[in-house]
């Protein structure tokens, strides 16, 4: 966003090191309204983690939900892909998936808009709720986390599957986007596996405790 220029086809790759492009981004209320709360939130989470003695695994989950809530779901997908108000990143979204140039809910981008609405009404609220539960040390936080992560995984598949099946790619940036998007499939699976293992270990420990008592 600061220096890579959105040029047709992204070939040749060109950069702006004059600072004009970076200034455009840094003066945007949309950019500042998402990134400043992230920085403050990360500092606050660090304090909460130290104060409560929270494990590194749970700290990672808290960072995941904070950054997804404010940047990846909101700053990227909603403000750049759906409402198209984020400077520069909006142009990159259109380069990666040219159907973004069509009006919202046009048939060529209907699947994208459906995922954006999923993010707006499900994934963003769930990310906020999961983060809140982790901070409050709520016993139900892991159930909510798995549900929220499942929505992310399903949304990611729905978002990228049509372009992948048709083997469509506007430019090399399209494949970069899809490669980055794989994180939202891998991380939910990692969370699921971790919570499955924790549940099984907890059941085994409870079983051993009951046997000792008997």
Protein backbone atom coordinates (compact mmCIF):
# COMPACT_ATOMS: atom_id res chain seq x y z
CA UNK A 1 0.00 0.00 0.00
CA UNK A 2 2.84 2.39 0.75
CA UNK A 3 5.02 1.85 -2.30
CA UNK A 4 3.77 -0.88 -4.71
CA UNK A 5 1.90 0.86 -7.53
CA UNK A 6 -1.35 -0.65 -8.85
CA UNK A 7 -0.59 -0.77 -12.57
CA UNK A 8 -2.57 -2.67 -15.25
CA UNK A 9 -1.56 -6.33 -15.19
CA UNK A 10 1.08 -5.50 -12.57
CA UNK A 11 3.72 -5.87 -15.30
CA UNK A 12 6.24 -4.42 -15.10
CA UNK A 13 6.22 -4.07 -11.32
CA UNK A 14 6.66 -0.44 -10.37
CA UNK A 15 7.16 1.29 -7.04
CA UNK A 16 6.63 4.76 -5.68
CA UNK A 17 9.40 5.72 -3.30
CA UNK A 18 8.60 9.41 -3.36
CA UNK A 19 6.32 9.11 -0.34
CA UNK A 20 3.23 10.44 -2.15
CA UNK A 21 1.51 7.07 -2.17
CA UNK A 22 2.42 6.39 1.45
CA UNK A 23 1.14 9.83 2.43
CA UNK A 24 -2.18 9.12 0.70
CA UNK A 25 -2.58 5.96 2.77
CA UNK A 26 -1.40 7.43 6.06
CA UNK A 27 -3.78 10.37 5.78
CA UNK A 28 -6.78 8.16 5.11
CA UNK A 29 -9.33 8.01 7.96
CA UNK A 30 -10.21 4.49 6.81
CA UNK A 31 -6.62 3.31 7.21
CA UNK A 32 -6.03 5.13 10.49
CA UNK A 33 -9.41 4.06 11.84
CA UNK A 34 -8.42 0.40 11.54
CA UNK A 35 -4.67 0.38 12.17
CA UNK A 36 -4.42 2.69 15.19
CA UNK A 37 -6.91 0.57 17.20
CA UNK A 38 -4.90 -2.52 16.23
CA UNK A 39 -1.67 -1.04 17.59
CA UNK A 40 -3.38 0.09 20.80
CA UNK A 41 -5.14 -3.26 21.06
CA UNK A 42 -1.91 -5.23 20.73
CA UNK A 43 -0.31 -3.15 23.49
CA UNK A 44 -3.36 -3.69 25.68
CA UNK A 45 -3.36 -7.44 25.01
CA UNK A 46 0.31 -7.64 25.99
CA UNK A 47 -0.60 -6.02 29.32
CA UNK A 48 -3.57 -8.35 29.84
CA UNK A 49 -1.49 -11.44 29.02
CA UNK A 50 1.23 -10.49 31.50
CA UNK A 51 -1.26 -9.53 34.21
CA UNK A 52 -3.31 -12.72 33.91
CA UNK A 53 -0.45 -15.10 33.10
CA UNK A 54 -2.14 -16.20 29.89
CA UNK A 55 -0.43 -18.94 27.87
CA UNK A 56 1.24 -18.14 24.55
CA UNK A 57 -1.27 -20.28 22.62
CA UNK A 58 -4.19 -18.23 23.91
CA UNK A 59 -2.27 -15.00 23.34
CA UNK A 60 -1.94 -16.00 19.68
CA UNK A 61 -5.67 -16.57 19.47
CA UNK A 62 -6.35 -13.13 20.94
CA UNK A 63 -4.03 -11.50 18.40
CA UNK A 64 -5.73 -13.47 15.60
CA UNK A 65 -9.21 -12.27 16.55
CA UNK A 66 -8.11 -8.68 17.11
CA UNK A 67 -6.36 -8.37 13.75
CA UNK A 68 -9.15 -10.19 11.91
CA UNK A 69 -11.79 -8.00 13.52
CA UNK A 70 -10.14 -4.69 12.65
CA UNK A 71 -7.95 -5.33 9.61
CA UNK A 72 -8.50 -8.50 7.61
CA UNK A 73 -12.31 -8.60 7.79
CA UNK A 74 -12.95 -4.86 8.08
CA UNK A 75 -9.99 -2.93 6.65
CA UNK A 76 -9.30 -5.35 3.81
CA UNK A 77 -12.44 -7.18 2.72
CA UNK A 78 -15.23 -4.82 3.76
CA UNK A 79 -13.58 -1.43 3.22
CA UNK A 80 -11.50 -2.46 0.18
CA UNK A 81 -13.55 -5.18 -1.50
CA UNK A 82 -17.16 -4.42 -0.57
CA UNK A 83 -17.44 -0.66 0.05
CA UNK A 84 -14.20 0.14 -1.84
CA UNK A 85 -13.13 3.18 0.17
CA UNK A 86 -9.68 2.09 1.40
CA UNK A 87 -6.98 3.91 -0.63
CA UNK A 88 -4.71 1.77 -2.82
CA UNK A 89 -5.92 -1.53 -1.39
CA UNK A 90 -9.20 -1.02 -3.25
CA UNK A 91 -7.24 -0.81 -6.51
CA UNK A 92 -5.30 -3.95 -5.62
CA UNK A 93 -8.52 -5.84 -4.97
CA UNK A 94 -9.75 -4.83 -8.43
CA UNK A 95 -6.48 -6.00 -9.98
CA UNK A 96 -6.54 -9.34 -8.17
CA UNK A 97 -10.23 -9.93 -9.00
CA UNK A 98 -11.44 -7.66 -11.83
CA UNK A 99 -15.11 -8.36 -11.08
CA UNK A 100 -14.69 -5.83 -8.27
CA UNK A 101 -14.99 -3.22 -11.03
CA UNK A 102 -18.63 -4.22 -11.50
CA UNK A 103 -21.47 -2.90 -9.31
CA UNK A 104 -22.13 -4.73 -6.07
CA UNK A 105 -24.23 -7.88 -6.52
CA UNK A 106 -23.47 -8.08 -10.23
CA UNK A 107 -23.60 -11.75 -11.22
CA UNK A 108 -19.85 -11.85 -11.82
CA UNK A 109 -19.10 -10.87 -8.22
CA UNK A 110 -22.17 -12.13 -6.37
CA UNK A 111 -20.16 -14.85 -4.60
CA UNK A 112 -17.67 -12.24 -3.38
CA UNK A 113 -20.40 -9.98 -2.04
CA UNK A 114 -22.09 -12.93 -0.34
CA UNK A 115 -18.85 -13.61 1.54
CA UNK A 116 -18.47 -9.93 2.38
CA UNK A 117 -21.96 -9.98 3.92
CA UNK A 118 -21.01 -13.14 5.80
CA UNK A 119 -18.05 -11.25 7.22
CA UNK A 120 -20.18 -8.24 8.09
CA UNK A 121 -22.97 -10.04 9.93
CA UNK A 122 -21.20 -13.17 11.21
CA UNK A 123 -17.41 -13.11 11.14
CA UNK A 124 -16.82 -9.58 12.46
CA UNK A 125 -19.25 -9.96 15.40
CA UNK A 126 -17.90 -13.44 16.15
CA UNK A 127 -14.32 -12.17 16.14
CA UNK A 128 -15.29 -9.42 18.60
CA UNK A 129 -17.13 -11.92 20.79
CA UNK A 130 -14.27 -14.43 20.75
CA UNK A 131 -11.77 -11.71 21.70
CA UNK A 132 -14.02 -10.51 24.53
CA UNK A 133 -14.40 -14.04 25.91
CA UNK A 134 -10.64 -14.63 25.83
CA UNK A 135 -10.00 -11.40 27.72
CA UNK A 136 -12.68 -12.31 30.28
CA UNK A 137 -11.27 -15.86 30.56
CA UNK A 138 -14.73 -17.24 29.87
CA UNK A 139 -14.85 -21.07 29.96
CA UNK A 140 -16.88 -21.09 26.72
CA UNK A 141 -14.28 -19.14 24.73
CA UNK A 142 -12.94 -22.17 22.88
CA UNK A 143 -16.39 -23.24 21.67
CA UNK A 144 -17.02 -19.76 20.26
CA UNK A 145 -13.54 -19.70 18.74
CA UNK A 146 -14.07 -22.96 16.84
CA UNK A 147 -17.45 -21.73 15.56
CA UNK A 148 -15.96 -18.40 14.43
CA UNK A 149 -13.00 -20.12 12.77
CA UNK A 150 -15.34 -22.51 10.97
CA UNK A 151 -17.20 -19.54 9.49
CA UNK A 152 -13.86 -18.14 8.32
CA UNK A 153 -12.88 -21.42 6.66
CA UNK A 154 -16.24 -21.77 4.89
CA UNK A 155 -16.16 -18.14 3.75
CA UNK A 156 -12.64 -18.53 2.39
CA UNK A 157 -13.61 -21.59 0.33
CA UNK A 158 -16.69 -19.82 -1.06
CA UNK A 159 -14.65 -16.72 -1.89
CA UNK A 160 -11.83 -18.39 -3.80
CA UNK A 161 -13.35 -21.62 -5.17
CA UNK A 162 -15.03 -20.17 -8.31
CA UNK A 163 -11.83 -18.52 -9.55
CA UNK A 164 -9.73 -21.57 -8.77
CA UNK A 165 -12.11 -24.02 -10.47
CA UNK A 166 -12.16 -21.86 -13.60
CA UNK A 167 -8.41 -21.29 -13.27
CA UNK A 168 -8.93 -17.55 -13.62
CA UNK A 169 -6.11 -15.17 -12.78
CA UNK A 170 -5.98 -11.53 -13.79
CA UNK A 171 -2.28 -11.26 -12.90
CA UNK A 172 0.37 -12.75 -10.63
CA UNK A 173 -1.13 -10.79 -7.75
CA UNK A 174 -4.23 -13.01 -8.02
CA UNK A 175 -2.14 -16.02 -7.02
CA UNK A 176 -0.48 -14.08 -4.20
CA UNK A 177 -3.95 -13.26 -2.88
CA UNK A 178 -5.04 -16.90 -3.02
CA UNK A 179 -1.84 -18.08 -1.37
CA UNK A 180 -2.36 -15.64 1.49
CA UNK A 181 -6.01 -16.67 1.71
CA UNK A 182 -4.96 -20.25 2.48
CA UNK A 183 -4.05 -19.04 5.98
CA UNK A 184 -7.79 -18.76 6.71
CA UNK A 185 -8.13 -22.44 5.94
CA UNK A 186 -4.99 -23.64 7.71
CA UNK A 187 -5.39 -21.68 10.94
CA UNK A 188 -8.98 -22.81 11.65
CA UNK A 189 -7.84 -26.41 11.11
CA UNK A 190 -4.95 -25.87 13.53
CA UNK A 191 -7.38 -24.45 16.10
CA UNK A 192 -9.74 -27.37 15.63
CA UNK A 193 -6.96 -29.92 16.05
CA UNK A 194 -5.61 -28.17 19.14
CA UNK A 195 -8.99 -28.03 20.84
CA UNK A 196 -9.70 -31.67 19.96
CA UNK A 197 -6.43 -32.71 21.58
CA UNK A 198 -7.11 -30.57 24.63
CA UNK A 199 -10.59 -32.07 25.03
CA UNK A 200 -9.26 -35.61 24.76
CA UNK A 201 -6.44 -34.97 27.22
CA UNK A 202 -8.88 -33.36 29.62
CA UNK A 203 -11.18 -36.39 29.43
CA UNK A 204 -8.25 -38.76 30.04
CA UNK A 205 -7.12 -36.75 33.06
CA UNK A 206 -10.64 -36.72 34.47
CA UNK A 207 -10.87 -40.45 33.92
CA UNK A 208 -7.58 -41.06 35.77
CA UNK A 209 -8.71 -38.82 38.61
CA UNK A 210 -11.96 -40.76 38.97
CA UNK A 211 -10.08 -44.09 38.97
CA UNK A 212 -7.78 -42.88 41.74
CA UNK A 213 -10.72 -41.80 43.86
CA UNK A 214 -12.46 -45.14 43.37
